[in-house]
Amino acid sequence: MPEIHCGTTSLKEITRQATQQLERQLILRSLEANHWNRRRVARELRISYRALLYKIRDAGINPPTSTVSSSENSGGMADTIKKDRAA
């Protein structure tokens, strides 16, 4: 966990940093508990799916490489979209 420096930093900035750190921890724990099912996590946290995606991006959270299921292979999202369009 990064340290919050109080020397010349304003209370507003300290609060912002602490909130970001706590939010990141909560999102990461929820993602791990829900096996990286982002829709389920968004419902659990009572935020929109899109808001969750922005928060994940802003927090620099990256999914572990082992979360891709065997049915998805290694093609990722692009292959999933192609498969959906073909169906």
C-alpha atoms as a PDB file:
ATOM      1  CA  MET A   1       0.000   0.000   0.000  1.00  0.00           C
ATOM      2  CA  PRO A   2       1.466   3.388  -0.987  1.00  0.00           C
ATOM      3  CA  GLU A   3       2.127   5.803   1.833  1.00  0.00           C
ATOM      4  CA  ILE A   4       0.203   9.019   2.217  1.00  0.00           C
ATOM      5  CA  HIS A   5       2.546  11.936   2.886  1.00  0.00           C
ATOM      6  CA  CYS A   6       1.120  14.594   5.178  1.00  0.00           C
ATOM      7  CA  GLY A   7       3.977  17.136   5.169  1.00  0.00           C
ATOM      8  CA  THR A   8       2.852  19.813   2.738  1.00  0.00           C
ATOM      9  CA  THR A   9      -0.105  17.937   1.248  1.00  0.00           C
ATOM     10  CA  SER A  10      -3.568  19.380   1.812  1.00  0.00           C
ATOM     11  CA  LEU A  11      -6.228  17.501   3.730  1.00  0.00           C
ATOM     12  CA  LYS A  12      -8.279  17.328   0.533  1.00  0.00           C
ATOM     13  CA  GLU A  13      -5.436  15.581  -1.326  1.00  0.00           C
ATOM     14  CA  ILE A  14      -4.790  13.184   1.568  1.00  0.00           C
ATOM     15  CA  THR A  15      -8.500  12.272   1.603  1.00  0.00           C
ATOM     16  CA  ARG A  16      -8.497  11.737  -2.176  1.00  0.00           C
ATOM     17  CA  GLN A  17      -5.448   9.441  -1.982  1.00  0.00           C
ATOM     18  CA  ALA A  18      -6.891   7.444   0.922  1.00  0.00           C
ATOM     19  CA  THR A  19     -10.211   7.039  -0.905  1.00  0.00           C
ATOM     20  CA  GLN A  20      -8.471   5.829  -4.073  1.00  0.00           C
ATOM     21  CA  GLN A  21      -6.410   3.300  -2.101  1.00  0.00           C
ATOM     22  CA  LEU A  22      -9.447   1.965  -0.253  1.00  0.00           C
ATOM     23  CA  GLU A  23     -11.529   1.799  -3.438  1.00  0.00           C
ATOM     24  CA  ARG A  24      -8.745  -0.098  -5.229  1.00  0.00           C
ATOM     25  CA  GLN A  25      -8.493  -2.624  -2.383  1.00  0.00           C
ATOM     26  CA  LEU A  26     -12.257  -3.175  -2.268  1.00  0.00           C
ATOM     27  CA  ILE A  27     -12.540  -3.637  -6.028  1.00  0.00           C
ATOM     28  CA  LEU A  28      -9.578  -6.022  -6.132  1.00  0.00           C
ATOM     29  CA  ARG A  29     -10.934  -8.133  -3.258  1.00  0.00           C
ATOM     30  CA  SER A  30     -14.362  -8.278  -4.864  1.00  0.00           C
ATOM     31  CA  LEU A  31     -12.882  -9.221  -8.248  1.00  0.00           C
ATOM     32  CA  GLU A  32     -10.893 -12.049  -6.681  1.00  0.00           C
ATOM     33  CA  ALA A  33     -13.879 -13.260  -4.624  1.00  0.00           C
ATOM     34  CA  ASN A  34     -16.043 -13.314  -7.763  1.00  0.00           C
ATOM     35  CA  HIS A  35     -13.399 -14.921 -10.001  1.00  0.00           C
ATOM     36  CA  TRP A  36     -13.051 -11.706 -12.023  1.00  0.00           C
ATOM     37  CA  ASN A  37     -16.712 -11.669 -13.065  1.00  0.00           C
ATOM     38  CA  ARG A  38     -16.962  -7.899 -13.512  1.00  0.00           C
ATOM     39  CA  ARG A  39     -20.738  -7.775 -13.933  1.00  0.00           C
ATOM     40  CA  ARG A  40     -21.230  -9.605 -10.646  1.00  0.00           C
ATOM     41  CA  VAL A  41     -18.720  -7.290  -8.963  1.00  0.00           C
ATOM     42  CA  ALA A  42     -20.543  -4.198 -10.259  1.00  0.00           C
ATOM     43  CA  ARG A  43     -23.825  -5.515  -8.826  1.00  0.00           C
ATOM     44  CA  GLU A  44     -22.136  -6.384  -5.533  1.00  0.00           C
ATOM     45  CA  LEU A  45     -20.629  -2.895  -5.245  1.00  0.00           C
ATOM     46  CA  ARG A  46     -23.888  -1.293  -6.432  1.00  0.00           C
ATOM     47  CA  ILE A  47     -22.250   0.650  -9.244  1.00  0.00           C
ATOM     48  CA  SER A  48     -22.770   0.474 -12.985  1.00  0.00           C
ATOM     49  CA  TYR A  49     -20.702  -1.930 -15.036  1.00  0.00           C
ATOM     50  CA  ARG A  50     -19.214   0.988 -16.965  1.00  0.00           C
ATOM     51  CA  ALA A  51     -18.265   2.796 -13.744  1.00  0.00           C
ATOM     52  CA  LEU A  52     -16.521  -0.363 -12.561  1.00  0.00           C
ATOM     53  CA  LEU A  53     -14.566  -0.610 -15.817  1.00  0.00           C
ATOM     54  CA  TYR A  54     -13.409   3.003 -15.443  1.00  0.00           C
ATOM     55  CA  LYS A  55     -12.421   2.424 -11.820  1.00  0.00           C
ATOM     56  CA  ILE A  56     -10.486  -0.733 -12.733  1.00  0.00           C
ATOM     57  CA  ARG A  57      -8.647   1.179 -15.460  1.00  0.00           C
ATOM     58  CA  ASP A  58      -7.942   4.205 -13.272  1.00  0.00           C
ATOM     59  CA  ALA A  59      -6.686   2.003 -10.422  1.00  0.00           C
ATOM     60  CA  GLY A  60      -4.346   0.144 -12.774  1.00  0.00           C
ATOM     61  CA  ILE A  61      -5.852  -3.231 -11.923  1.00  0.00           C
ATOM     62  CA  ASN A  62      -4.965  -5.923 -14.444  1.00  0.00           C
ATOM     63  CA  PRO A  63      -6.559  -9.375 -14.469  1.00  0.00           C
ATOM     64  CA  PRO A  64      -4.248 -12.297 -13.886  1.00  0.00           C
ATOM     65  CA  THR A  65      -3.425 -14.203 -17.054  1.00  0.00           C
ATOM     66  CA  SER A  66      -4.955 -17.390 -15.642  1.00  0.00           C
ATOM     67  CA  THR A  67      -8.528 -15.980 -15.677  1.00  0.00           C
ATOM     68  CA  VAL A  68      -9.120 -16.907 -19.326  1.00  0.00           C
ATOM     69  CA  SER A  69     -11.272 -20.018 -19.399  1.00  0.00           C
ATOM     70  CA  SER A  70     -10.343 -22.958 -21.578  1.00  0.00           C
ATOM     71  CA  SER A  71     -13.400 -22.380 -23.798  1.00  0.00           C
ATOM     72  CA  GLU A  72     -12.174 -18.880 -24.652  1.00  0.00           C
ATOM     73  CA  ASN A  73      -8.682 -20.107 -25.566  1.00  0.00           C
ATOM     74  CA  SER A  74      -6.090 -17.374 -25.880  1.00  0.00           C
ATOM     75  CA  GLY A  75      -7.892 -15.273 -28.501  1.00  0.00           C
ATOM     76  CA  GLY A  76      -9.290 -12.840 -25.970  1.00  0.00           C
ATOM     77  CA  MET A  77     -12.103 -10.374 -26.451  1.00  0.00           C
ATOM     78  CA  ALA A  78     -11.608  -9.921 -30.208  1.00  0.00           C
ATOM     79  CA  ASP A  79     -12.256 -13.620 -30.852  1.00  0.00           C
ATOM     80  CA  THR A  80     -15.260 -13.572 -28.527  1.00  0.00           C
ATOM     81  CA  ILE A  81     -16.783 -10.684 -30.481  1.00  0.00           C
ATOM     82  CA  LYS A  82     -16.110 -12.455 -33.787  1.00  0.00           C
ATOM     83  CA  LYS A  83     -17.755 -15.625 -32.469  1.00  0.00           C
ATOM     84  CA  ASP A  84     -20.801 -13.649 -31.291  1.00  0.00           C
ATOM     85  CA  ARG A  85     -21.191 -11.959 -34.671  1.00  0.00           C
ATOM     86  CA  ALA A  86     -20.854 -15.273 -36.525  1.00  0.00           C
ATOM     87  CA  ALA A  87     -23.621 -16.889 -34.467  1.00  0.00           C
END
